Amino acid sequence: MLWLLLLLPAWVFAGTACTRLCLAAVRAAATDTVTDRGAAGAERDLTLYEAAFLSGGPTRVADVTLVSMARQRRLLLAHTGWATVVDPHGRDDIERSVIGAIGPEGQSRIAPVRTRAARTEAVRHLADRLVRTGLAVPDAAGLTIGAAVRQVRAAALAVAVLAAAALLLPAQADTSRLMAGLWFLLPFILSLSCLAIARFEVHPYSPWASPAGQRLLGALLRQRDGVERPFLVSVALRGIRAIGEPELRAAFAHRDAPHRD
């Protein structure tokens, strides 16, 4: 009966992960219902910063701001991975936060600038505003659907590993290997069923955008079907991989030299 010692954690992993996924889905549905009733953010266009945050979070906001300022020649992004301020006067709070993240010397490595800019008050205020309108997932909401799905996947893998370990144990006189395998099959099926339901009901999973926010992002994508999407909108939706200019891509991709604070 040694396999029972492995069956217990298998059920714990699967049951806990599936329960968290259900709670995350219920919480997301409740937030979406409140948003629809209030209609606070249901019928409006997203700004560039809002689209960036809902698509990729705070770091995406910093990225699109850096790219925007670089294309306006108010910031120099060198292919060596350095950012240099050309115009120290930001046109909004987000731009001023990026300039502040570069530092008083007016020059800094791009990687730490992205990190510092993503943590500024201006970006937090943007996030709070999107949460209040029901378009973003609040930080205090606990586990998101995407994170819960990853936990269920991990639980399914753990159950499979535990089942394999149980089948490798010496055969017991009172229990066949087939019977032990069937007991492990139950939590594995439970995990796969939850993943299938989540895929059908709540896909795509986003750590930033609520279901209402995802609908607005989808509308933004559909508005551009059949026409060339503006460059900055592409960066906001897809991140730095949407940058087609080689030198600008190299500025974000450079990782060799240590950064200077």
Protein backbone atom coordinates (compact mmCIF):
# COMPACT_ATOMS: atom_id res chain seq x y z
CA MET A 1 0.00 0.00 0.00
CA LEU A 2 2.95 2.31 -0.40
CA TRP A 3 1.34 3.75 -3.52
CA LEU A 4 -1.33 5.34 -1.30
CA LEU A 5 1.35 7.65 0.08
CA LEU A 6 1.81 8.95 -3.47
CA LEU A 7 -1.89 9.01 -4.30
CA LEU A 8 -2.68 11.43 -1.47
CA PRO A 9 -0.42 14.28 -2.70
CA ALA A 10 -1.65 13.64 -6.25
CA TRP A 11 -5.22 14.35 -5.15
CA VAL A 12 -4.09 17.34 -3.09
CA PHE A 13 -2.22 18.88 -6.04
CA ALA A 14 -5.06 18.30 -8.48
CA GLY A 15 -7.87 19.32 -6.12
CA THR A 16 -6.15 22.48 -4.90
CA ALA A 17 -5.18 23.65 -8.38
CA CYS A 18 -8.62 22.99 -9.86
CA THR A 19 -10.32 24.75 -6.95
CA ARG A 20 -8.13 27.81 -7.44
CA LEU A 21 -8.91 27.85 -11.14
CA CYS A 22 -12.64 27.73 -10.42
CA LEU A 23 -12.35 30.56 -7.88
CA ALA A 24 -10.32 32.67 -10.31
CA ALA A 25 -12.90 32.12 -13.05
CA VAL A 26 -15.78 33.02 -10.73
CA ARG A 27 -13.95 36.15 -9.57
CA ALA A 28 -13.29 37.20 -13.16
CA ALA A 29 -16.93 36.63 -14.11
CA ALA A 30 -18.11 38.70 -11.13
CA THR A 31 -15.78 41.56 -12.08
CA ASP A 32 -17.00 41.40 -15.67
CA THR A 33 -20.63 41.53 -14.53
CA VAL A 34 -19.99 44.60 -12.40
CA THR A 35 -18.23 46.28 -15.33
CA ASP A 36 -21.12 45.55 -17.68
CA ARG A 37 -23.66 46.90 -15.21
CA GLY A 38 -21.69 50.06 -14.57
CA ALA A 39 -20.66 50.43 -18.22
CA ALA A 40 -17.76 52.53 -16.93
CA GLY A 41 -15.30 51.36 -19.56
CA ALA A 42 -17.47 49.34 -21.89
CA GLU A 43 -17.86 51.78 -24.79
CA ARG A 44 -14.74 53.81 -25.40
CA ASP A 45 -11.47 53.67 -27.25
CA LEU A 46 -8.30 52.68 -25.47
CA THR A 47 -5.43 55.13 -25.30
CA LEU A 48 -1.98 53.96 -26.38
CA TYR A 49 -0.83 53.60 -22.76
CA GLU A 50 -3.99 51.72 -21.78
CA ALA A 51 -3.63 49.29 -24.68
CA ALA A 52 0.02 48.75 -23.74
CA PHE A 53 -0.80 48.04 -20.09
CA LEU A 54 -3.67 45.67 -20.84
CA SER A 55 -1.54 43.79 -23.39
CA GLY A 56 1.74 43.55 -21.52
CA GLY A 57 1.56 45.25 -18.14
CA PRO A 58 3.74 48.05 -16.72
CA THR A 59 6.89 47.10 -18.66
CA ARG A 60 4.99 47.32 -21.95
CA VAL A 61 3.95 50.88 -21.03
CA ALA A 62 7.61 51.77 -20.48
CA ASP A 63 8.56 50.15 -23.79
CA VAL A 64 5.98 51.99 -25.87
CA THR A 65 6.92 55.28 -24.22
CA LEU A 66 10.62 54.78 -24.95
CA VAL A 67 9.88 53.90 -28.57
CA SER A 68 7.49 56.84 -28.97
CA MET A 69 10.01 59.35 -27.62
CA ALA A 70 12.79 57.82 -29.72
CA ARG A 71 10.79 58.18 -32.94
CA GLN A 72 10.11 61.82 -32.08
CA ARG A 73 13.88 62.39 -31.62
CA ARG A 74 13.36 63.39 -28.00
CA LEU A 75 15.21 60.34 -26.79
CA LEU A 76 18.15 58.53 -28.31
CA LEU A 77 18.14 54.75 -28.04
CA ALA A 78 21.54 53.50 -29.17
CA HIS A 79 22.05 50.01 -30.57
CA THR A 80 24.57 49.48 -27.75
CA GLY A 81 21.69 49.48 -25.26
CA TRP A 82 21.94 53.02 -23.88
CA ALA A 83 19.17 55.62 -23.58
CA THR A 84 20.10 59.32 -23.79
CA VAL A 85 17.70 62.19 -23.10
CA VAL A 86 17.52 64.79 -25.89
CA ASP A 87 14.43 66.69 -24.74
CA PRO A 88 14.16 66.70 -20.91
CA HIS A 89 10.56 67.98 -20.96
CA GLY A 90 8.05 65.15 -20.97
CA ARG A 91 4.65 65.77 -22.53
CA ASP A 92 2.74 63.72 -19.96
CA ASP A 93 3.24 61.96 -16.64
CA ILE A 94 4.37 58.71 -18.26
CA GLU A 95 7.04 60.43 -20.34
CA ARG A 96 8.24 62.38 -17.33
CA SER A 97 8.48 59.14 -15.35
CA VAL A 98 10.64 57.60 -18.09
CA ILE A 99 12.92 60.66 -18.12
CA GLY A 100 13.14 60.43 -14.34
CA ALA A 101 13.99 56.73 -14.60
CA ILE A 102 16.93 57.56 -16.87
CA GLY A 103 18.35 59.73 -14.11
CA PRO A 104 19.82 63.20 -13.64
CA GLU A 105 22.81 62.44 -15.87
CA GLY A 106 20.47 62.05 -18.83
CA GLN A 107 21.88 58.67 -19.80
CA SER A 108 21.37 55.11 -18.63
CA ARG A 109 21.20 51.52 -19.77
CA ILE A 110 17.80 50.72 -21.30
CA ALA A 111 17.16 47.56 -19.27
CA PRO A 112 17.14 49.25 -15.82
CA VAL A 113 15.19 52.20 -17.28
CA ARG A 114 12.42 49.83 -18.33
CA THR A 115 12.33 48.31 -14.85
CA ARG A 116 12.34 51.62 -12.98
CA ALA A 117 9.81 53.28 -15.28
CA ALA A 118 7.41 50.33 -14.88
CA ARG A 119 7.38 50.92 -11.10
CA THR A 120 6.69 54.67 -11.12
CA GLU A 121 3.64 56.39 -9.65
CA ALA A 122 2.43 57.42 -13.11
CA VAL A 123 2.19 53.80 -14.25
CA ARG A 124 0.55 52.77 -10.97
CA HIS A 125 -2.04 55.51 -11.42
CA LEU A 126 -2.72 54.21 -14.93
CA ALA A 127 -3.18 50.71 -13.54
CA ASP A 128 -5.48 51.94 -10.76
CA ARG A 129 -7.62 53.81 -13.27
CA LEU A 130 -7.99 50.73 -15.44
CA VAL A 131 -8.87 48.63 -12.39
CA ARG A 132 -11.55 51.13 -11.32
CA THR A 133 -13.17 50.96 -14.76
CA GLY A 134 -13.08 47.16 -14.66
CA LEU A 135 -10.69 46.80 -17.59
CA ALA A 136 -7.66 45.53 -15.66
CA VAL A 137 -7.18 42.75 -13.14
CA PRO A 138 -6.47 44.23 -9.69
CA ASP A 139 -3.27 43.22 -7.94
CA ALA A 140 -5.26 42.39 -4.81
CA ALA A 141 -7.53 40.03 -6.70
CA GLY A 142 -5.29 37.12 -5.88
CA LEU A 143 -4.67 34.37 -8.40
CA THR A 144 -5.44 35.27 -12.02
CA ILE A 145 -6.93 32.80 -14.48
CA GLY A 146 -3.66 32.53 -16.37
CA ALA A 147 -1.70 31.74 -13.22
CA ALA A 148 -4.38 29.28 -12.10
CA VAL A 149 -4.23 27.48 -15.45
CA ARG A 150 -0.46 27.16 -15.11
CA GLN A 151 -0.95 25.64 -11.66
CA VAL A 152 -3.42 23.08 -13.03
CA ARG A 153 -0.93 22.15 -15.76
CA ALA A 154 1.76 21.72 -13.14
CA ALA A 155 -0.62 19.61 -11.04
CA ALA A 156 -1.39 17.35 -14.01
CA LEU A 157 2.32 16.86 -14.59
CA ALA A 158 2.87 16.14 -10.89
CA VAL A 159 0.09 13.54 -10.92
CA ALA A 160 1.65 11.83 -13.94
CA VAL A 161 5.05 11.75 -12.24
CA LEU A 162 3.59 10.38 -9.00
CA ALA A 163 1.65 7.75 -10.94
CA ALA A 164 4.81 6.63 -12.71
CA ALA A 165 6.62 6.43 -9.38
CA ALA A 166 3.79 4.39 -7.88
CA LEU A 167 3.84 1.93 -10.78
CA LEU A 168 7.58 1.47 -10.35
CA LEU A 169 7.17 0.42 -6.72
CA PRO A 170 7.37 -3.28 -5.94
CA ALA A 171 4.07 -5.02 -6.61
CA GLN A 172 1.82 -5.43 -3.57
CA ALA A 173 -0.07 -8.64 -2.98
CA ASP A 174 -3.34 -6.88 -2.13
CA THR A 175 -3.38 -4.39 -5.03
CA SER A 176 -2.61 -4.81 -8.72
CA ARG A 177 -0.66 -2.23 -10.73
CA LEU A 178 -3.74 -1.71 -12.89
CA MET A 179 -5.86 -0.75 -9.88
CA ALA A 180 -3.21 1.66 -8.63
CA GLY A 181 -2.98 3.22 -12.08
CA LEU A 182 -6.75 3.71 -12.23
CA TRP A 183 -6.75 5.57 -8.89
CA PHE A 184 -4.12 7.98 -10.24
CA LEU A 185 -6.07 8.35 -13.46
CA LEU A 186 -8.93 10.07 -11.61
CA PRO A 187 -7.02 13.20 -10.46
CA PHE A 188 -5.28 13.32 -13.86
CA ILE A 189 -8.65 13.35 -15.65
CA LEU A 190 -9.89 16.01 -13.22
CA SER A 191 -6.94 18.27 -14.09
CA LEU A 192 -7.33 17.76 -17.85
CA SER A 193 -11.08 18.39 -17.64
CA CYS A 194 -10.55 21.70 -15.85
CA LEU A 195 -7.99 22.73 -18.46
CA ALA A 196 -10.38 21.85 -21.28
CA ILE A 197 -13.25 23.79 -19.71
CA ALA A 198 -11.00 26.81 -19.07
CA ARG A 199 -9.77 26.68 -22.66
CA PHE A 200 -13.34 26.69 -23.94
CA GLU A 201 -14.88 29.17 -21.48
CA VAL A 202 -12.25 31.75 -20.49
CA HIS A 203 -9.53 31.65 -23.15
CA PRO A 204 -7.44 33.76 -23.81
CA TYR A 205 -5.90 34.11 -20.36
CA SER A 206 -4.42 37.49 -19.46
CA PRO A 207 -2.57 38.51 -16.28
CA TRP A 208 -3.42 42.16 -16.93
CA ALA A 209 -6.70 42.60 -18.80
CA SER A 210 -10.09 41.64 -17.39
CA PRO A 211 -12.63 40.06 -19.78
CA ALA A 212 -13.96 43.57 -20.51
CA GLY A 213 -10.42 44.79 -21.19
CA GLN A 214 -9.78 41.83 -23.49
CA ARG A 215 -12.90 42.70 -25.47
CA LEU A 216 -11.64 46.26 -26.00
CA LEU A 217 -8.26 44.93 -27.08
CA GLY A 218 -10.04 42.63 -29.50
CA ALA A 219 -12.03 45.55 -30.87
CA LEU A 220 -8.81 47.50 -31.34
CA LEU A 221 -7.35 44.62 -33.31
CA ARG A 222 -10.46 44.28 -35.47
CA GLN A 223 -10.48 48.00 -36.25
CA ARG A 224 -7.13 47.53 -37.96
CA ASP A 225 -8.01 44.42 -39.96
CA GLY A 226 -7.11 44.86 -43.61
CA VAL A 227 -5.01 48.00 -43.07
CA GLU A 228 -1.52 48.61 -41.79
CA ARG A 229 -1.62 49.03 -38.04
CA PRO A 230 0.09 52.19 -36.72
CA PHE A 231 3.60 51.40 -35.53
CA LEU A 232 3.13 52.44 -31.90
CA VAL A 233 -0.16 50.54 -31.65
CA SER A 234 1.65 47.42 -32.85
CA VAL A 235 4.32 47.92 -30.19
CA ALA A 236 1.62 48.42 -27.54
CA LEU A 237 -0.17 45.22 -28.54
CA ARG A 238 2.78 42.97 -29.39
CA GLY A 239 5.74 44.46 -27.54
CA ILE A 240 9.25 45.10 -28.79
CA ARG A 241 9.06 42.14 -31.17
CA ALA A 242 6.84 44.40 -33.32
CA ILE A 243 9.73 46.81 -33.87
CA GLY A 244 10.92 46.43 -37.44
CA GLU A 245 13.80 48.90 -37.34
CA PRO A 246 17.05 46.92 -36.82
CA GLU A 247 18.89 49.52 -34.72
CA LEU A 248 15.90 50.14 -32.50
CA ARG A 249 15.42 46.41 -31.96
CA ALA A 250 19.11 46.09 -31.16
CA ALA A 251 18.77 48.80 -28.50
CA PHE A 252 16.26 46.69 -26.58
CA ALA A 253 17.95 43.37 -27.29
CA HIS A 254 21.44 44.41 -26.15
CA ARG A 255 22.41 42.63 -22.93
CA ASP A 256 26.21 42.39 -22.99
CA ALA A 257 27.54 45.32 -21.00
CA PRO A 258 26.64 45.80 -17.32
CA HIS A 259 24.24 48.66 -16.66
CA ARG A 260 25.16 51.83 -14.83
CA ASP A 261 22.71 53.30 -12.33
